[in-house]
Amino acid sequence: MFSETIVAVSTPMQEGAISIIRLSGPDAFSIVNKIFNKDLSNKPSHTITYGMIVDQDGEDVDEVLVSIFRSPRSYTMEDVIEINCHGGVFVTKTILGLCIGNGARLARPGEFTERAFLNGRIDLTQAEGINDLITATNKTDAKNAINSMKGSVTRLITPLIDDLLQIIANIEVNIDYPEYDDVDILSQEVVLPMAKSWRKRIDEIIIKAQNSMIVKDGVDTVILGKPNVGKSSLLNALLEEDKAIVTDIEGTTRDLVEGRIRLSNITLNLVDTAGIRETKDKVEQIGIAKSLDALSKAQLVIVVLDASTDLDKSDKKLLEITKDYDRIIVYNKSDIRKTDNLSISALNNDVSELIKVIEEKYEKQILASNESTLNNERQIGLAISARNSMDEVINMLEDNVELDLVTIDLQKSYNSLKEIIGETSREDLIDALFSKFCLGK
């Protein structure tokens, strides 16, 4: 499919034990033969050859191992050669330059995986899984990425695609060839329960995927409370470091202080906010405005109250403005005064009960993240688009619209699902997707 041979360094460009320069394309062998002191033309696939890389003057550049992967048994389904050289930056760049000088083109980020996709070795969800594995920061993310690479998303979506195709095909046969006796006769009454059942199935997939994304990306969590209630102490206790300044002076925190914590199974993207109260201090007013803005974007709000005193006007106001948010109310300073509510002592790093409540709160999402599901916003967005098109189908069927008109939205739903696995993807989408990959992958 591709006439150009591409090359890139597939390992970090820094000092190390080895570097790998990867080539893919029709001229991979002829290019490497020009700079390698052994002829690779007749070497079998999946073998390694020892030798020397030489420059245009025949001078030795480096002692290397050359791995050979012949088409179609390679990552890209093209001829692929990987030069394993010593890891010095100078040596690596020199060999890369020799490859380019002898006819290879420097690959764009993600171009090797893009070729694997366009050559039919993997689908789009598997390609995304490869990038997810590279960028994984924990065991759960890595496991989900490996499942995607093995085709878990495709297996999840394919039955929905097949069922849609069957409905569309039967409707069109009924319309175009009504005389066929061996084809099921479909009517609004027959298609409607099929459509509702299909929508229920994709709804379950979407909900599970959205829950899984919370685990993958972390929960955007805002710590809210009045001044001097212990918000910054709580942030420090959760992070196990002195991230925020803690004093007994009210209004110390005047800007947002952020941190990220990985509990046993869930990540919190924490934001400590300025204490919310009535104030004439202009700087503090700016901090409070930022606090309220952070609140508006929060997925979880931890409202911190003072266990050592009774609720006052500021506390009640906080409870009122957060009542419609997903929140946890916690009483700090339990070392001073015990309560029957969820209590902590942030100053003494006694926050275990709060952590337990948070983990229990997201237990459902954690379980969902361990199952086969959609893995990113692109996939979820297309699934939602497919669901919305089916909603239109159901509305039309309930209004007794003719089936030939219904097929338009059925086709939209079908196309959205096919785009998840990349079979109807637009070229600009593909370019944007693979540009997120690292160079040499």
Protein backbone atom coordinates (compact mmCIF):
# COMPACT_ATOMS: atom_id res chain seq x y z
CA MET A 1 0.00 0.00 0.00
CA PHE A 2 2.78 2.44 0.91
CA SER A 3 5.62 3.34 -1.45
CA GLU A 4 7.81 5.10 1.11
CA THR A 5 10.01 3.39 3.68
CA ILE A 6 9.87 5.07 7.08
CA VAL A 7 12.38 5.11 9.90
CA ALA A 8 12.42 6.27 13.52
CA VAL A 9 14.13 5.66 16.82
CA SER A 10 11.75 3.45 18.83
CA THR A 11 13.52 3.88 22.16
CA PRO A 12 14.00 7.06 24.23
CA MET A 13 16.62 9.39 22.73
CA GLN A 14 18.96 9.36 25.72
CA GLU A 15 22.00 7.54 27.03
CA GLY A 16 21.28 3.90 27.76
CA ALA A 17 22.33 0.32 27.15
CA ILE A 18 20.74 0.01 23.69
CA SER A 19 18.74 1.96 21.13
CA ILE A 20 16.48 0.56 18.44
CA ILE A 21 16.13 2.15 15.01
CA ARG A 22 13.09 0.75 13.21
CA LEU A 23 12.44 0.79 9.45
CA SER A 24 9.26 -0.29 7.66
CA GLY A 25 8.44 -0.30 3.98
CA PRO A 26 9.35 -1.80 0.60
CA ASP A 27 12.96 -0.56 0.60
CA ALA A 28 13.85 -1.51 4.18
CA PHE A 29 16.24 -4.28 3.10
CA SER A 30 17.96 -2.31 0.34
CA ILE A 31 18.49 0.68 2.66
CA VAL A 32 19.99 -1.36 5.50
CA ASN A 33 22.15 -3.36 3.07
CA LYS A 34 23.85 -0.09 2.10
CA ILE A 35 24.96 0.61 5.70
CA PHE A 36 25.41 -2.93 7.09
CA ASN A 37 28.49 -5.04 6.43
CA LYS A 38 26.43 -8.19 5.77
CA ASP A 39 23.89 -8.90 3.03
CA LEU A 40 20.39 -9.38 4.47
CA SER A 41 18.68 -10.12 1.14
CA ASN A 42 18.32 -13.86 1.72
CA LYS A 43 18.05 -13.88 5.50
CA PRO A 44 14.83 -15.54 6.70
CA SER A 45 12.19 -13.66 8.69
CA HIS A 46 12.34 -13.48 12.47
CA THR A 47 16.10 -13.85 12.66
CA ILE A 48 18.86 -11.71 14.15
CA THR A 49 22.13 -10.98 12.38
CA TYR A 50 25.30 -9.70 14.06
CA GLY A 51 27.48 -7.17 12.23
CA MET A 52 28.70 -3.60 11.90
CA ILE A 53 26.99 -0.44 10.71
CA VAL A 54 29.36 1.48 8.40
CA ASP A 55 29.23 5.01 7.06
CA GLN A 56 29.59 6.23 3.46
CA ASP A 57 33.38 5.96 3.71
CA GLY A 58 33.26 2.38 4.95
CA GLU A 59 34.22 3.38 8.50
CA ASP A 60 32.72 1.38 11.34
CA VAL A 61 29.98 3.26 13.21
CA ASP A 62 28.73 0.67 15.71
CA GLU A 63 28.51 -3.01 16.49
CA VAL A 64 24.85 -4.01 16.16
CA LEU A 65 22.27 -6.75 16.02
CA VAL A 66 19.78 -6.50 13.15
CA SER A 67 16.33 -8.08 13.57
CA ILE A 68 14.40 -9.03 10.43
CA PHE A 69 10.62 -9.29 10.03
CA ARG A 70 9.47 -10.01 6.51
CA SER A 71 6.06 -9.00 5.16
CA PRO A 72 3.37 -9.90 6.10
CA ARG A 73 4.64 -11.36 9.39
CA SER A 74 5.53 -8.05 10.98
CA TYR A 75 4.01 -5.31 13.12
CA THR A 76 3.08 -3.23 10.07
CA MET A 77 2.61 -6.19 7.67
CA GLU A 78 5.45 -4.64 5.65
CA ASP A 79 9.13 -5.54 5.61
CA VAL A 80 10.43 -4.35 8.99
CA ILE A 81 14.04 -4.16 10.13
CA GLU A 82 15.15 -3.15 13.62
CA ILE A 83 18.77 -2.11 14.22
CA ASN A 84 19.75 -2.72 17.84
CA CYS A 85 22.73 -0.47 18.51
CA HIS A 86 24.48 0.90 21.58
CA GLY A 87 22.44 3.50 23.38
CA GLY A 88 24.53 6.61 22.99
CA VAL A 89 22.66 9.60 21.56
CA PHE A 90 25.43 10.36 19.05
CA VAL A 91 25.59 6.78 17.73
CA THR A 92 21.80 6.52 17.51
CA LYS A 93 21.48 9.79 15.58
CA THR A 94 24.32 8.80 13.27
CA ILE A 95 22.65 5.52 12.28
CA LEU A 96 19.29 7.27 11.90
CA GLY A 97 20.94 9.82 9.61
CA LEU A 98 22.50 7.05 7.51
CA CYS A 99 19.07 5.43 7.04
CA ILE A 100 17.54 8.74 5.97
CA GLY A 101 20.48 9.53 3.73
CA ASN A 102 19.98 6.23 1.91
CA GLY A 103 16.30 6.71 1.13
CA ALA A 104 14.18 6.33 4.27
CA ARG A 105 11.79 9.05 5.45
CA LEU A 106 11.56 10.04 9.12
CA ALA A 107 8.30 8.60 10.42
CA ARG A 108 5.57 10.73 11.93
CA PRO A 109 4.51 9.97 15.53
CA GLY A 110 2.43 6.79 15.51
CA GLU A 111 3.02 6.07 11.82
CA PHE A 112 4.14 2.46 12.34
CA THR A 113 0.92 1.66 14.21
CA GLU A 114 -1.06 3.65 11.65
CA ARG A 115 0.35 1.42 8.93
CA ALA A 116 -0.51 -1.66 10.99
CA PHE A 117 -4.09 -0.39 11.11
CA LEU A 118 -4.34 0.68 7.47
CA ASN A 119 -2.78 -2.59 6.32
CA GLY A 120 -5.47 -4.52 8.22
CA ARG A 121 -3.36 -6.13 10.93
CA ILE A 122 -5.26 -4.43 13.75
CA ASP A 123 -8.46 -2.43 14.06
CA LEU A 124 -8.71 1.05 15.53
CA THR A 125 -9.58 -0.07 19.06
CA GLN A 126 -6.54 -2.36 19.12
CA ALA A 127 -4.36 0.54 17.96
CA GLU A 128 -5.72 2.67 20.80
CA GLY A 129 -5.00 -0.20 23.18
CA ILE A 130 -1.34 -0.17 22.12
CA ASN A 131 -1.03 3.52 22.96
CA ASP A 132 -2.94 3.03 26.21
CA LEU A 133 -0.48 0.32 27.25
CA ILE A 134 2.47 2.64 26.59
CA THR A 135 0.91 5.42 28.69
CA ALA A 136 -0.55 3.18 31.44
CA THR A 137 0.29 4.35 34.96
CA ASN A 138 -1.20 1.49 36.98
CA LYS A 139 -2.10 -2.21 36.79
CA THR A 140 -5.77 -1.59 35.95
CA ASP A 141 -4.95 0.66 32.98
CA ALA A 142 -2.37 -1.82 31.69
CA LYS A 143 -4.81 -4.73 31.97
CA ASN A 144 -7.51 -2.83 30.08
CA ALA A 145 -5.01 -1.85 27.39
CA ILE A 146 -3.91 -5.45 26.88
CA ASN A 147 -7.55 -6.53 26.61
CA SER A 148 -8.10 -3.87 23.94
CA MET A 149 -5.05 -5.09 22.05
CA LYS A 150 -6.56 -8.57 22.11
CA GLY A 151 -9.76 -7.23 20.55
CA SER A 152 -12.05 -6.98 23.60
CA VAL A 153 -13.77 -3.80 22.35
CA THR A 154 -14.34 -5.31 18.91
CA ARG A 155 -15.89 -8.43 20.46
CA LEU A 156 -18.10 -6.21 22.61
CA ILE A 157 -19.35 -4.09 19.69
CA THR A 158 -19.57 -6.70 16.90
CA PRO A 159 -22.79 -8.41 18.14
CA LEU A 160 -24.55 -5.02 18.18
CA ILE A 161 -23.29 -4.30 14.65
CA ASP A 162 -24.43 -7.71 13.42
CA ASP A 163 -27.90 -7.32 14.91
CA LEU A 164 -28.30 -3.88 13.33
CA LEU A 165 -27.18 -5.20 9.97
CA GLN A 166 -29.69 -8.03 10.18
CA ILE A 167 -32.57 -5.66 10.93
CA ILE A 168 -31.56 -3.27 8.12
CA ALA A 169 -31.12 -6.11 5.63
CA ASN A 170 -34.49 -7.69 6.46
CA ILE A 171 -36.32 -4.38 6.19
CA GLU A 172 -34.76 -3.65 2.81
CA VAL A 173 -35.53 -7.15 1.51
CA ASN A 174 -39.14 -6.80 2.68
CA ILE A 175 -39.41 -3.51 0.80
CA ASP A 176 -37.58 -4.48 -2.40
CA TYR A 177 -38.54 -8.16 -2.65
CA PRO A 178 -41.88 -8.69 -0.91
CA GLU A 179 -42.43 -11.94 -2.86
CA TYR A 180 -39.62 -13.79 -1.03
CA ASP A 181 -41.24 -16.35 1.28
CA ASP A 182 -38.06 -17.33 3.17
CA VAL A 183 -37.48 -13.85 4.60
CA ASP A 184 -39.11 -12.80 7.88
CA ILE A 185 -41.79 -10.18 7.40
CA LEU A 186 -40.94 -7.21 9.57
CA SER A 187 -43.42 -4.61 10.76
CA GLN A 188 -43.33 -1.74 13.22
CA GLU A 189 -44.68 -4.10 15.89
CA VAL A 190 -41.86 -6.58 15.26
CA VAL A 191 -39.00 -4.09 14.95
CA LEU A 192 -39.93 -1.93 17.97
CA PRO A 193 -39.15 -4.52 20.70
CA MET A 194 -35.96 -5.43 18.84
CA ALA A 195 -34.92 -1.78 18.85
CA LYS A 196 -35.69 -1.36 22.54
CA SER A 197 -33.76 -4.49 23.44
CA TRP A 198 -30.79 -3.26 21.39
CA ARG A 199 -30.89 0.15 23.08
CA LYS A 200 -30.91 -1.48 26.51
CA ARG A 201 -27.78 -3.45 25.62
CA ILE A 202 -25.84 -0.42 24.40
CA ASP A 203 -27.00 1.64 27.39
CA GLU A 204 -25.43 -0.96 29.67
CA ILE A 205 -22.19 -0.77 27.70
CA ILE A 206 -22.13 3.04 27.86
CA ILE A 207 -22.79 3.18 31.60
CA LYS A 208 -20.11 0.58 32.29
CA ALA A 209 -17.64 2.47 30.10
CA GLN A 210 -18.35 5.80 31.82
CA ASN A 211 -17.82 4.16 35.21
CA SER A 212 -14.56 2.66 33.97
CA MET A 213 -13.33 6.04 32.73
CA ILE A 214 -13.68 7.43 36.25
CA VAL A 215 -11.20 4.80 37.44
CA LYS A 216 -8.89 5.40 34.48
CA ASP A 217 -8.78 9.21 34.58
CA GLY A 218 -9.32 9.71 38.29
CA VAL A 219 -12.10 11.48 40.17
CA ASP A 220 -11.92 15.29 40.09
CA THR A 221 -12.29 15.97 43.80
CA VAL A 222 -12.70 19.33 45.51
CA ILE A 223 -12.07 19.80 49.23
CA LEU A 224 -14.46 22.48 50.46
CA GLY A 225 -14.95 24.11 53.83
CA LYS A 226 -14.85 27.36 55.74
CA PRO A 227 -11.48 28.89 56.72
CA ASN A 228 -9.31 27.10 59.28
CA VAL A 229 -11.41 23.92 59.23
CA GLY A 230 -8.48 21.75 58.16
CA LYS A 231 -8.85 21.48 54.38
CA SER A 232 -5.14 21.94 53.71
CA SER A 233 -4.25 19.51 56.49
CA LEU A 234 -6.57 16.98 54.86
CA LEU A 235 -4.91 17.49 51.47
CA ASN A 236 -1.49 17.00 53.04
CA ALA A 237 -2.64 13.90 54.93
CA LEU A 238 -4.07 12.31 51.79
CA LEU A 239 -0.98 13.13 49.72
CA GLU A 240 1.34 12.22 52.60
CA GLU A 241 3.37 15.38 51.97
CA ASP A 242 3.28 19.06 52.96
CA LYS A 243 1.76 20.30 49.72
CA ALA A 244 -0.35 23.08 51.22
CA ILE A 245 0.62 25.69 53.83
CA VAL A 246 -1.04 25.03 57.18
CA THR A 247 -1.39 27.70 59.88
CA ASP A 248 -3.97 28.67 62.47
CA ILE A 249 -4.54 31.95 60.61
CA GLU A 250 -7.85 32.06 58.75
CA GLY A 251 -7.69 32.57 54.99
CA THR A 252 -4.14 31.19 54.52
CA THR A 253 -5.15 29.33 51.34
CA ARG A 254 -6.00 31.95 48.72
CA ASP A 255 -5.43 29.95 45.55
CA LEU A 256 -6.18 26.42 44.42
CA VAL A 257 -3.68 23.78 45.53
CA GLU A 258 -3.76 20.58 43.51
CA GLY A 259 -2.45 17.06 43.97
CA ARG A 260 -3.07 13.53 42.73
CA ILE A 261 -3.37 10.47 44.93
CA ARG A 262 -3.76 6.82 44.02
CA LEU A 263 -5.68 4.90 46.67
CA SER A 264 -5.74 1.10 46.50
CA ASN A 265 -8.16 1.06 43.55
CA ILE A 266 -9.14 4.64 42.67
CA THR A 267 -7.29 7.84 41.82
CA LEU A 268 -8.33 11.24 43.18
CA ASN A 269 -7.42 14.48 41.40
CA LEU A 270 -7.51 16.65 44.50
CA VAL A 271 -8.08 20.39 44.69
CA ASP A 272 -7.76 22.23 48.00
CA THR A 273 -9.73 25.46 47.87
CA ALA A 274 -9.80 28.76 49.68
CA GLY A 275 -12.10 28.81 52.67
CA ILE A 276 -15.55 30.05 51.72
CA ARG A 277 -16.85 32.93 53.84
CA GLU A 278 -17.92 36.54 53.62
CA THR A 279 -14.82 38.74 53.32
CA LYS A 280 -13.78 42.21 52.14
CA ASP A 281 -10.22 41.09 51.32
CA LYS A 282 -9.99 41.37 47.52
CA VAL A 283 -7.29 38.69 47.20
CA GLU A 284 -9.30 36.28 49.34
CA GLN A 285 -12.41 37.07 47.28
CA ILE A 286 -10.55 35.99 44.14
CA GLY A 287 -9.58 32.73 45.88
CA ILE A 288 -13.18 32.11 46.91
CA ALA A 289 -14.37 32.72 43.34
CA LYS A 290 -11.85 30.15 42.13
CA SER A 291 -13.14 27.74 44.77
CA LEU A 292 -16.69 28.06 43.50
CA ASP A 293 -15.52 27.59 39.92
CA ALA A 294 -13.66 24.40 40.92
CA LEU A 295 -16.82 23.23 42.68
CA SER A 296 -18.82 23.59 39.47
CA LYS A 297 -16.46 21.14 37.70
CA ALA A 298 -16.12 18.62 40.53
CA GLN A 299 -17.11 14.97 40.27
CA LEU A 300 -16.79 14.57 44.02
CA VAL A 301 -16.95 17.15 46.79
CA ILE A 302 -15.48 16.54 50.23
CA VAL A 303 -17.19 18.98 52.58
CA VAL A 304 -15.08 19.46 55.68
CA LEU A 305 -16.85 20.53 58.87
CA ASP A 306 -15.35 21.32 62.27
CA ALA A 307 -16.13 18.59 64.81
CA SER A 308 -14.94 20.77 67.68
CA THR A 309 -17.76 23.33 67.26
CA ASP A 310 -21.43 23.38 66.35
CA LEU A 311 -22.52 24.17 62.79
CA ASP A 312 -22.61 27.88 62.07
CA LYS A 313 -24.00 30.02 59.27
CA SER A 314 -20.99 29.34 56.99
CA ASP A 315 -21.30 25.58 57.45
CA LYS A 316 -24.99 25.62 56.61
CA LYS A 317 -24.32 27.69 53.51
CA LEU A 318 -21.72 25.16 52.35
CA LEU A 319 -24.14 22.30 52.88
CA GLU A 320 -26.76 24.17 50.89
CA ILE A 321 -24.58 24.98 47.87
CA THR A 322 -23.25 21.41 47.69
CA LYS A 323 -26.53 19.56 48.21
CA ASP A 324 -26.92 18.70 44.52
CA TYR A 325 -23.33 17.48 44.15
CA ASP A 326 -21.96 14.02 44.72
CA ARG A 327 -20.44 14.70 48.11
CA ILE A 328 -18.97 13.22 51.27
CA ILE A 329 -19.41 15.16 54.50
CA VAL A 330 -16.56 14.66 56.94
CA TYR A 331 -15.98 16.10 60.40
CA ASN A 332 -12.38 17.10 61.09
CA LYS A 333 -10.64 17.57 64.49
CA SER A 334 -11.99 14.35 65.95
CA ASP A 335 -9.00 14.43 68.30
CA ILE A 336 -10.66 17.40 70.01
CA ARG A 337 -14.26 16.25 69.95
CA LYS A 338 -15.78 12.92 68.93
CA THR A 339 -18.95 12.76 66.82
CA ASP A 340 -21.20 9.98 65.53
CA ASN A 341 -20.58 11.13 61.96
CA LEU A 342 -17.70 10.32 59.59
CA SER A 343 -14.78 11.81 61.53
CA ILE A 344 -11.07 12.33 60.93
CA SER A 345 -8.09 14.09 62.43
CA ALA A 346 -6.25 15.47 59.43
CA LEU A 347 -3.56 17.12 61.60
CA ASN A 348 -2.70 13.67 62.99
CA ASN A 349 -2.93 12.00 59.56
CA ASP A 350 -5.88 9.94 60.77
CA VAL A 351 -7.91 9.86 57.53
CA SER A 352 -8.34 6.10 57.06
CA GLU A 353 -12.12 6.18 57.59
CA LEU A 354 -12.53 8.78 54.86
CA ILE A 355 -10.40 6.73 52.45
CA LYS A 356 -12.51 3.65 53.23
CA VAL A 357 -15.72 5.55 52.44
CA ILE A 358 -14.30 6.84 49.15
CA GLU A 359 -13.21 3.38 48.02
CA GLU A 360 -16.59 1.90 48.94
CA LYS A 361 -18.30 4.71 47.06
CA TYR A 362 -16.51 3.81 43.82
CA GLU A 363 -16.60 0.04 44.25
CA LYS A 364 -19.05 -0.32 41.33
CA GLN A 365 -16.81 1.69 39.01
CA ILE A 366 -13.76 -0.30 40.11
CA LEU A 367 -15.50 -3.58 39.29
CA ALA A 368 -16.57 -2.17 35.91
CA SER A 369 -12.98 -1.25 35.09
CA ASN A 370 -11.99 -4.92 35.34
CA GLU A 371 -14.49 -5.99 32.67
CA SER A 372 -14.38 -5.63 28.90
CA THR A 373 -15.59 -2.15 28.06
CA LEU A 374 -15.07 0.89 25.85
CA ASN A 375 -11.82 2.59 26.76
CA ASN A 376 -11.87 6.27 25.80
CA GLU A 377 -14.02 9.30 25.05
CA ARG A 378 -13.96 8.68 21.29
CA GLN A 379 -15.38 5.19 21.65
CA ILE A 380 -17.95 6.24 24.25
CA GLY A 381 -19.00 9.26 22.17
CA LEU A 382 -19.64 7.11 19.11
CA ALA A 383 -21.59 4.59 21.20
CA ILE A 384 -23.74 7.45 22.52
CA SER A 385 -24.25 8.65 18.94
CA ALA A 386 -25.39 5.15 17.96
CA ARG A 387 -27.75 5.05 20.95
CA ASN A 388 -29.20 8.47 20.08
CA SER A 389 -29.90 7.34 16.52
CA MET A 390 -31.70 4.30 17.90
CA ASP A 391 -33.75 6.62 20.11
CA GLU A 392 -34.95 8.31 16.91
CA VAL A 393 -35.81 4.90 15.47
CA ILE A 394 -37.87 4.01 18.53
CA ASN A 395 -39.69 7.36 18.46
CA MET A 396 -40.58 6.90 14.79
CA LEU A 397 -41.73 3.31 15.30
CA GLU A 398 -43.98 4.41 18.16
CA ASP A 399 -45.44 7.01 15.76
CA ASN A 400 -46.02 4.29 13.13
CA VAL A 401 -43.60 5.80 10.62
CA GLU A 402 -42.98 3.59 7.57
CA LEU A 403 -40.04 1.20 7.96
CA ASP A 404 -38.21 2.47 4.88
CA LEU A 405 -37.83 5.85 6.63
CA VAL A 406 -36.66 4.20 9.84
CA THR A 407 -33.71 2.58 8.07
CA ILE A 408 -32.03 6.00 7.69
CA ASP A 409 -31.44 6.26 11.45
CA LEU A 410 -30.68 2.55 11.73
CA GLN A 411 -27.92 3.13 9.20
CA LYS A 412 -26.60 6.10 11.23
CA SER A 413 -26.43 3.90 14.30
CA TYR A 414 -24.66 1.19 12.32
CA ASN A 415 -22.11 3.65 10.92
CA SER A 416 -21.33 5.04 14.39
CA LEU A 417 -20.52 1.59 15.72
CA LYS A 418 -18.44 0.71 12.68
CA GLU A 419 -16.45 3.90 13.23
CA ILE A 420 -15.51 2.70 16.72
CA ILE A 421 -13.42 -0.07 15.19
CA GLY A 422 -12.26 2.18 12.35
CA GLU A 423 -14.06 0.64 9.41
CA THR A 424 -15.74 3.88 8.35
CA SER A 425 -13.28 6.33 9.88
CA ARG A 426 -12.58 9.65 8.24
CA GLU A 427 -9.00 10.34 7.18
CA ASP A 428 -8.67 13.44 9.38
CA LEU A 429 -9.78 11.41 12.40
CA ILE A 430 -7.14 8.76 11.71
CA ASP A 431 -4.38 11.38 11.38
CA ALA A 432 -5.40 13.07 14.62
CA LEU A 433 -5.58 9.78 16.50
CA PHE A 434 -2.16 8.44 15.55
CA SER A 435 -0.45 11.80 16.05
CA LYS A 436 -0.90 11.19 19.80
CA PHE A 437 1.44 8.18 19.65
CA CYS A 438 5.13 8.42 20.44
CA LEU A 439 7.72 8.61 17.69
CA GLY A 440 8.81 5.20 16.45
CA LYS A 441 5.58 3.42 17.44
